[in-house]
Protein backbone atom coordinates (compact mmCIF):
# COMPACT_ATOMS: atom_id res chain seq x y z
CA MET A 1 19.81 11.27 -6.93
CA ASN A 2 17.91 9.15 -9.33
CA VAL A 3 20.68 7.77 -11.65
CA ILE A 4 18.74 5.00 -12.89
CA THR A 5 16.64 6.21 -15.72
CA ASN A 6 16.69 3.63 -18.82
CA ASN A 7 14.56 0.64 -18.94
CA THR A 8 13.85 0.31 -14.92
CA TYR A 9 10.64 -0.28 -13.27
CA ILE A 10 10.43 2.36 -10.25
CA MET A 11 7.49 1.29 -8.35
CA ASP A 12 6.59 2.17 -4.82
CA CYS A 13 4.57 -1.28 -3.66
CA HIS A 14 2.32 0.40 -1.09
CA GLN A 15 0.75 3.95 -0.98
CA HIS A 16 -2.77 5.18 -0.09
CA ILE A 17 -4.87 7.02 -2.68
CA LEU A 18 -4.37 11.03 -1.93
CA ASP A 19 -7.17 12.33 -0.01
CA ASP A 20 -6.17 15.46 -2.13
CA PHE A 21 -7.41 13.80 -5.08
CA ILE A 22 -10.53 12.44 -4.12
CA PHE A 23 -10.90 16.21 -2.90
CA ALA A 24 -10.17 17.75 -5.95
CA PHE A 25 -12.44 14.88 -7.81
CA LEU A 26 -15.33 16.08 -5.82
CA GLU A 27 -14.64 19.15 -6.29
CA HIS A 28 -14.37 19.58 -10.16
CA GLU A 29 -16.59 16.34 -11.00
CA LYS A 30 -18.46 18.21 -12.95
CA GLU A 31 -15.61 19.67 -15.08
CA VAL A 32 -13.72 16.01 -14.88
CA VAL A 33 -16.97 14.18 -16.74
CA LYS A 34 -16.45 16.75 -19.42
CA GLY A 35 -13.27 16.26 -20.06
CA THR A 36 -11.92 20.21 -19.31
CA PHE A 37 -10.18 18.97 -15.76
CA SER A 38 -8.63 16.44 -14.68
CA ALA A 39 -7.84 15.76 -10.73
CA PHE A 40 -5.01 13.05 -11.57
CA ASP A 41 -2.93 14.97 -13.88
CA THR A 42 -3.68 18.44 -11.29
CA VAL A 43 -2.46 16.12 -8.02
CA TYR A 44 -1.06 12.65 -8.70
CA ALA A 45 0.78 12.98 -11.95
CA PRO A 46 2.99 15.84 -11.52
CA MET A 47 4.22 14.35 -7.91
CA LEU A 48 4.78 10.89 -9.35
CA ARG A 49 6.42 12.14 -12.19
CA GLU A 50 9.22 14.17 -9.69
CA GLU A 51 9.58 11.26 -7.80
CA GLY A 52 10.35 9.53 -10.80
CA VAL A 53 7.98 6.19 -10.23
CA ASN A 54 6.23 4.85 -12.98
CA PHE A 55 4.00 2.28 -11.10
CA VAL A 56 2.23 2.18 -7.82
CA ASN A 57 0.40 -0.49 -6.18
CA LEU A 58 -2.40 2.12 -4.77
CA VAL A 59 -4.66 1.17 -1.82
CA VAL A 60 -7.98 1.97 -3.23
CA GLY A 61 -9.78 0.84 0.08
CA GLY A 62 -9.82 -1.79 2.55
CA ASP A 63 -10.54 -2.67 6.48
CA HIS A 64 -9.38 0.36 8.25
CA VAL A 65 -11.83 3.92 8.26
CA VAL A 66 -9.42 6.73 7.73
CA GLN A 67 -10.40 9.73 9.36
CA VAL A 68 -10.36 11.88 6.59
CA LEU A 69 -13.23 14.49 5.23
CA TYR A 70 -13.62 13.23 1.78
CA SER A 71 -12.43 9.87 1.17
CA ALA A 72 -13.95 7.47 3.82
CA SER A 73 -17.01 6.11 4.92
CA ASN A 74 -18.21 3.43 7.61
CA LEU A 75 -19.28 1.55 4.35
CA ARG A 76 -16.42 -0.04 3.06
CA PHE A 77 -17.59 -1.29 -0.53
CA TRP A 78 -18.96 2.24 -0.86
CA ASP A 79 -15.55 3.81 0.13
CA ALA A 80 -13.77 1.78 -2.61
CA HIS A 81 -15.90 1.67 -4.94
CA LYS A 82 -16.27 5.33 -4.91
CA LYS A 83 -12.71 5.45 -5.25
CA ILE A 84 -12.08 3.69 -8.26
CA ASP A 85 -14.93 5.18 -9.91
CA ALA A 86 -12.65 8.56 -9.54
CA LEU A 87 -9.99 6.74 -11.99
CA LEU A 88 -11.78 5.02 -14.46
CA THR A 89 -13.71 8.51 -14.76
CA GLU A 90 -11.01 10.56 -15.50
CA LEU A 91 -9.90 7.57 -18.02
CA GLU A 92 -13.17 7.59 -19.86
CA SER A 93 -13.54 11.49 -19.43
CA GLY A 94 -9.60 11.57 -21.61
CA CYS A 95 -7.13 11.50 -19.05
CA SER A 96 -4.04 9.84 -20.74
CA SER A 97 -1.17 10.05 -18.19
CA PHE A 98 -2.13 6.62 -16.51
CA VAL A 99 -3.01 3.29 -16.92
CA ILE A 100 -4.66 0.47 -14.58
CA CYS A 101 -2.77 -2.23 -15.21
CA ARG A 102 -4.94 -5.31 -15.64
CA SER A 103 -2.41 -7.33 -17.13
CA SER A 104 0.86 -7.46 -18.21
CA GLU A 105 0.42 -5.94 -21.76
CA ASP A 106 -0.86 -3.00 -19.65
CA ILE A 107 2.80 -3.18 -18.46
CA ASP A 108 4.29 -2.80 -21.48
CA ARG A 109 2.29 -0.22 -22.54
CA VAL A 110 3.63 2.27 -19.10
CA VAL A 111 7.07 1.68 -20.18
CA GLU A 112 6.64 2.06 -24.04
CA GLU A 113 4.81 5.28 -23.55
CA GLY A 114 6.00 6.71 -20.33
CA LEU A 115 2.86 6.23 -18.49
CA ILE A 116 1.68 6.08 -14.79
CA GLY A 117 0.61 2.59 -14.19
CA LEU A 118 -1.96 1.61 -11.04
CA PHE A 119 -2.30 -1.85 -9.50
CA LEU A 120 -5.59 -1.23 -7.50
CA SER A 121 -5.17 -2.91 -4.07
CA LEU A 122 -7.49 -3.22 -1.02
CA GLU A 123 -6.18 -3.28 2.28
CA GLY A 124 -7.95 -5.76 4.02
CA GLY A 125 -11.20 -7.40 3.03
CA ILE A 126 -14.28 -5.76 4.59
CA PRO A 127 -15.45 -3.95 1.12
CA LEU A 128 -15.36 -8.15 0.04
CA GLN A 129 -18.44 -8.81 2.76
CA GLY A 130 -21.93 -8.79 1.98
CA LYS A 131 -24.53 -8.84 4.66
CA PRO A 132 -24.10 -9.92 8.04
CA ASN A 133 -25.43 -13.17 7.68
CA LEU A 134 -24.69 -14.03 3.62
CA ASN A 135 -20.63 -14.17 2.42
CA LEU A 136 -20.14 -13.95 -1.35
CA LEU A 137 -17.81 -14.03 -3.99
CA SER A 138 -19.83 -11.12 -6.20
CA SER A 139 -17.62 -8.30 -4.38
CA LEU A 140 -14.00 -9.83 -5.37
CA ARG A 141 -15.52 -10.84 -8.60
CA SER A 142 -16.80 -6.80 -9.22
CA PHE A 143 -14.00 -5.13 -7.93
CA TYR A 144 -11.67 -7.44 -10.39
CA ARG A 145 -14.02 -6.36 -13.27
CA MET A 146 -13.25 -2.87 -12.17
CA GLY A 147 -9.29 -3.30 -12.51
CA LEU A 148 -8.71 -4.65 -9.03
CA ARG A 149 -5.11 -7.24 -9.23
CA SER A 150 -3.58 -7.31 -5.60
CA LEU A 151 -5.60 -7.93 -2.18
CA GLN A 152 -4.35 -7.81 1.57
CA LEU A 153 -6.47 -9.94 3.43
CA THR A 154 -6.29 -8.15 6.80
CA GLY A 155 -5.63 -5.24 8.33
CA ASN A 156 -4.47 -4.98 12.16
CA GLY A 157 -7.96 -6.12 13.26
CA ARG A 158 -10.07 -8.62 12.73
CA ASN A 159 -12.66 -9.07 9.40
CA ARG A 160 -14.55 -12.34 8.53
CA LEU A 161 -11.48 -13.81 6.31
CA GLY A 162 -9.41 -13.52 9.72
CA ASP A 163 -7.12 -11.86 11.72
CA GLY A 164 -4.79 -9.40 11.59
CA VAL A 165 -1.74 -8.59 13.81
CA ALA A 166 -3.51 -6.97 16.60
CA GLN A 167 -5.65 -9.82 17.52
CA GLU A 168 -2.56 -12.45 17.34
CA ARG A 169 -3.56 -13.39 20.71
CA THR A 170 -6.59 -15.72 18.75
CA GLN A 171 -4.49 -17.77 17.53
CA GLY A 172 -6.94 -18.20 14.28
CA ARG A 173 -6.17 -19.34 10.86
CA LEU A 174 -8.27 -17.69 7.92
CA THR A 175 -12.29 -18.69 8.19
CA THR A 176 -13.97 -20.51 5.69
CA PHE A 177 -14.75 -17.15 3.54
CA GLY A 178 -10.98 -16.19 3.56
CA ARG A 179 -10.11 -19.99 2.42
CA GLN A 180 -13.02 -19.09 -0.51
CA VAL A 181 -11.59 -15.88 -1.29
CA VAL A 182 -7.49 -17.34 -1.48
CA GLU A 183 -8.89 -19.88 -3.88
CA GLU A 184 -11.10 -17.07 -6.01
CA ALA A 185 -8.49 -14.31 -6.30
CA ASP A 186 -5.78 -17.15 -7.27
CA ARG A 187 -8.16 -18.18 -9.87
CA LEU A 188 -8.65 -14.31 -11.00
CA GLY A 189 -5.06 -13.50 -10.90
CA ILE A 190 -5.65 -11.47 -7.88
CA LEU A 191 -1.95 -11.24 -6.27
CA LEU A 192 -2.07 -11.70 -2.33
CA ASP A 193 -1.02 -9.24 -0.04
CA THR A 194 -0.14 -11.17 3.96
CA ALA A 195 0.46 -7.35 5.35
CA GLN A 196 -0.58 -7.09 8.05
CA LEU A 197 -2.01 -10.75 8.56
CA SER A 198 -1.66 -12.41 11.48
CA ASP A 199 1.18 -15.25 11.95
CA ASN A 200 -1.21 -18.41 12.03
CA GLY A 201 -3.69 -16.47 8.87
CA PHE A 202 0.11 -16.17 7.37
CA TYR A 203 0.94 -19.47 7.07
CA HIS A 204 -2.73 -20.79 6.46
CA LEU A 205 -2.65 -18.61 3.28
CA MET A 206 0.73 -20.24 2.32
CA GLU A 207 -0.54 -23.81 2.74
CA LEU A 208 -3.49 -22.70 0.35
CA THR A 209 -1.41 -21.16 -2.70
CA ASN A 210 1.17 -22.25 -4.80
CA ARG A 211 1.59 -18.58 -6.66
CA PRO A 212 3.98 -15.70 -5.15
CA VAL A 213 2.44 -14.04 -2.50
CA VAL A 214 4.18 -10.55 -1.18
CA ASP A 215 4.62 -7.89 1.78
CA SER A 216 3.67 -4.94 0.46
CA HIS A 217 5.08 -2.99 3.60
CA CYS A 218 6.61 -4.10 6.39
CA GLY A 219 9.98 -3.90 8.36
CA CYS A 220 11.97 -6.96 9.63
CA LEU A 221 11.07 -7.93 12.86
CA ALA A 222 14.73 -9.18 14.14
CA ILE A 223 15.55 -5.09 13.98
CA SER A 224 12.45 -3.41 15.43
CA ASP A 225 9.98 -5.29 17.63
CA PHE A 226 6.60 -3.34 15.95
CA PRO A 227 3.47 -5.76 15.57
CA GLY A 228 3.25 -5.41 11.92
CA ASN A 229 6.75 -6.19 11.36
CA ILE A 230 7.73 -10.18 9.94
CA SER A 231 10.25 -12.56 11.30
CA ASP A 232 12.84 -13.86 8.97
CA GLU A 233 10.83 -17.09 8.56
CA ARG A 234 7.66 -15.22 7.01
CA ILE A 235 10.74 -13.29 4.88
CA ALA A 236 12.17 -16.50 3.74
CA ARG A 237 8.91 -17.92 2.88
CA ILE A 238 7.23 -15.14 1.08
CA ALA A 239 10.63 -15.55 -0.75
CA SER A 240 10.28 -19.27 -1.51
CA SER A 241 7.01 -18.37 -3.07
CA GLY A 242 9.00 -16.40 -5.50
CA GLY A 243 7.30 -13.02 -3.77
CA VAL A 244 8.69 -9.89 -2.65
CA VAL A 245 8.52 -8.21 0.90
CA GLY A 246 8.43 -4.33 0.69
CA ILE A 247 10.23 -2.57 3.12
CA SER A 248 8.35 0.71 4.85
CA PHE A 249 9.46 3.70 5.68
CA ARG A 250 7.32 3.94 8.52
CA ALA A 251 9.47 4.62 11.79
CA ALA A 252 7.75 2.37 13.69
CA ASN A 253 8.18 -0.03 10.99
CA ILE A 254 11.86 0.85 10.61
CA ALA A 255 13.12 1.73 14.22
CA MET A 256 9.93 1.28 16.47
CA HIS A 257 12.18 2.78 20.24
CA LYS A 258 13.71 5.82 18.20
CA ASP A 259 11.61 8.93 17.81
CA TRP A 260 12.99 9.84 14.44
CA PRO A 261 14.86 7.03 12.49
CA THR A 262 17.77 7.99 10.07
CA ALA A 263 18.55 6.75 6.95
CA GLU A 264 21.07 4.15 8.74
CA ASP A 265 17.55 2.48 9.77
CA LEU A 266 16.18 2.08 7.01
CA ILE A 267 19.37 0.97 5.16
CA ASN A 268 19.77 -2.05 8.06
CA GLN A 269 16.19 -2.89 7.49
CA ILE A 270 17.01 -3.71 3.80
CA ASN A 271 20.26 -5.22 4.13
CA HIS A 272 18.36 -7.83 6.38
CA ALA A 273 15.86 -8.41 4.19
CA VAL A 274 18.47 -8.74 1.33
CA SER A 275 20.05 -11.51 3.93
CA ILE A 276 16.90 -13.22 4.12
CA ALA A 277 15.13 -13.25 1.24
CA GLY A 278 18.25 -12.30 -1.36
CA VAL A 279 18.02 -9.22 -3.68
CA ASP A 280 15.69 -11.15 -5.87
CA HIS A 281 12.55 -10.98 -3.24
CA VAL A 282 13.09 -7.58 -1.76
CA GLY A 283 11.03 -4.56 -3.05
CA LEU A 284 10.06 -1.01 -1.23
CA GLY A 285 6.85 0.08 -0.10
CA PRO A 286 6.94 3.54 2.20
CA ASP A 287 3.53 3.77 2.77
CA PHE A 288 3.23 6.92 2.16
CA SER A 289 -0.08 8.55 3.22
CA ALA A 290 -1.25 12.16 1.91
CA PHE A 291 -4.76 12.51 4.23
CA LEU A 292 -6.69 15.39 5.35
CA THR A 293 -5.07 14.97 9.56
CA PRO A 294 -5.94 17.56 13.11
CA VAL A 295 -3.85 20.51 13.10
CA ASP A 296 -3.23 19.80 16.43
CA ARG A 297 -2.59 16.15 16.69
CA VAL A 298 -2.47 15.81 20.46
CA ARG A 299 -5.18 17.85 21.17
CA GLU A 300 -7.64 16.70 18.56
CA ARG A 301 -9.99 13.53 19.01
CA GLY A 302 -12.85 12.27 16.83
CA TYR A 303 -11.71 14.68 13.82
CA SER A 304 -13.38 13.42 10.97
CA ASN A 305 -16.46 15.52 11.42
CA LEU A 306 -14.23 18.64 11.88
CA GLY A 307 -13.74 20.88 9.04
CA PRO A 308 -11.28 22.04 6.40
CA GLU A 309 -9.76 25.12 8.69
CA ASP A 310 -9.17 22.26 11.90
CA THR A 311 -7.14 20.14 9.63
CA GLN A 312 -4.50 20.16 6.97
CA PHE A 313 -2.87 18.01 4.24
CA ASN A 314 0.37 16.43 5.61
CA ARG A 315 1.85 13.72 3.87
CA LEU A 316 4.17 13.16 6.77
CA THR A 317 1.47 11.83 8.88
CA PRO A 318 -0.63 8.78 8.78
CA VAL A 319 -3.86 7.88 9.49
CA GLN A 320 -4.42 8.19 13.37
CA SER A 321 -6.87 6.34 15.75
CA GLU A 322 -9.83 9.08 16.14
CA LYS A 323 -9.90 8.55 19.81
CA PHE A 324 -6.55 8.23 21.07
CA PRO A 325 -3.41 9.56 19.36
CA GLY A 326 -1.05 7.13 18.12
CA TRP A 327 -2.67 4.12 17.80
CA VAL A 328 -3.16 2.59 13.93
CA ASP A 329 -6.65 0.56 13.77
CA GLY A 330 -5.72 -1.07 17.42
CA VAL A 331 -1.48 -1.29 17.21
CA TRP A 332 0.73 1.32 18.69
CA ASN A 333 2.75 3.33 16.53
CA GLY A 334 3.53 6.00 18.57
CA VAL A 335 3.36 10.20 18.48
CA ARG A 336 6.27 11.56 16.73
CA LYS A 337 7.74 14.82 14.90
CA SER A 338 7.46 12.67 11.80
CA ASP A 339 5.62 9.03 11.32
CA PHE A 340 8.63 8.17 8.60
CA VAL A 341 12.29 8.20 8.05
CA ASP A 342 14.10 11.13 8.23
CA GLY A 343 15.09 12.22 4.91
CA TYR A 344 12.81 9.75 3.43
CA GLY A 345 9.39 10.42 4.58
CA ALA A 346 7.58 12.10 1.79
CA HIS A 347 7.19 11.27 -2.39
CA GLY A 348 9.69 14.07 -3.07
CA GLU A 349 12.42 12.06 -1.07
CA PHE A 350 11.79 9.35 -2.63
CA PRO A 351 14.34 9.49 -5.46
CA GLY A 352 16.84 9.55 -2.81
CA ILE A 353 16.75 5.97 -2.01
CA THR A 354 19.07 5.56 -5.21
CA GLY A 355 22.08 7.38 -3.55
CA LEU A 356 21.30 5.80 -0.29
CA LEU A 357 21.14 2.13 -1.88
CA LEU A 358 24.79 3.18 -3.94
CA THR A 359 26.43 4.26 -1.10
CA ASN A 360 26.22 1.17 0.45
CA GLY A 361 27.38 -1.52 -1.63
CA TYR A 362 24.64 -2.07 -4.26
CA ASN A 363 24.70 -2.18 -7.70
CA LEU A 364 23.08 -0.55 -10.32
CA GLU A 365 21.46 -4.15 -11.53
CA GLN A 366 20.36 -4.91 -7.86
CA ILE A 367 19.13 -1.39 -7.04
CA GLY A 368 16.96 -1.38 -10.20
CA LYS A 369 15.15 -4.85 -8.63
CA ILE A 370 14.91 -3.13 -5.34
CA LEU A 371 13.16 -0.38 -6.68
CA GLY A 372 10.59 -1.79 -8.22
CA GLY A 373 11.89 -5.01 -11.01
CA ASN A 374 11.21 -7.72 -8.15
CA MET A 375 7.74 -6.10 -7.98
CA ILE A 376 6.54 -6.15 -11.66
CA ARG A 377 7.90 -9.55 -11.87
CA VAL A 378 5.39 -10.85 -9.54
CA TYR A 379 2.83 -9.19 -11.21
CA ARG A 380 3.57 -9.90 -14.39
CA ASP A 381 3.53 -13.75 -12.91
CA SER A 382 0.14 -12.90 -11.01
CA LEU A 383 -1.48 -11.37 -14.29
């Protein structure tokens, strides 16, 4: 049920680039370059239009090496560069269904022409790191020139910018390089994303910037004691900056100790975030993923080098540790039937959130804000 169709932004605040998009691009690269095939139109556009989404905060790289066959490597700069290149090559070859949003004018164009708007994002700063003994801002500026407009400083672990939630024990603030990246991102107009950042790193970041920040995909720690969730104080600080908290649809974020959280658990998270931040500062960051994953998740280990016959595209399954199922980048997520909320675990189910919000007392104006209006407002401010 998607009753909102006119003059409304519908935005997925955190989505990983689809592995089958990269596979389709690489398989048909010569045709893409000639303009006779579009991987985006074949894989992405139909899915996004079906779910009614016209904006996506799209993760094109980051700290965690996703265990897939086609879209990741241990060279994080190269990995992100390859993914952005695929999108840019599609555009250069004539694909006209999407826009990489670099400015407010691009946002307006998406709405006016009925296109799909992509905000390119890094989920962690490892791709920005240079040689082991040298940290420069050149990679950040290069990614900006390619279209990067959102930056999450860390994943769950540690990088040269700071510590993620899996390293809370260090009580570390941002590093000197981390501070420099924050300052340069502010200067360029790159939106800073505090998702998965340790508490000490978060509060240090808030000291350094006077611009709105977001947490693109999280839950409320008061409801689910998952390390990737954030406290009421952090929620309030993000709201006071003018930013947005994006509620994830991941089971661990929504209800850590339930095997399969329900719509009731999801709405409880949204309601709590709204009670702390206000309806103007809450969005939706489902964290949908489409990676090649093992057919038997419990049996397979080290599956990044397995052939296609041992894997499958599964949009219900986020990336898992290649060593131990259930662990993601040092944080225990559990092994479940599905890693997402029952009924809201895949792209095609996303439109149902409108009906869920309506039946729980939100009016159309409030729903429009949560579905994407709030996040687009922040992007306009940032750009």
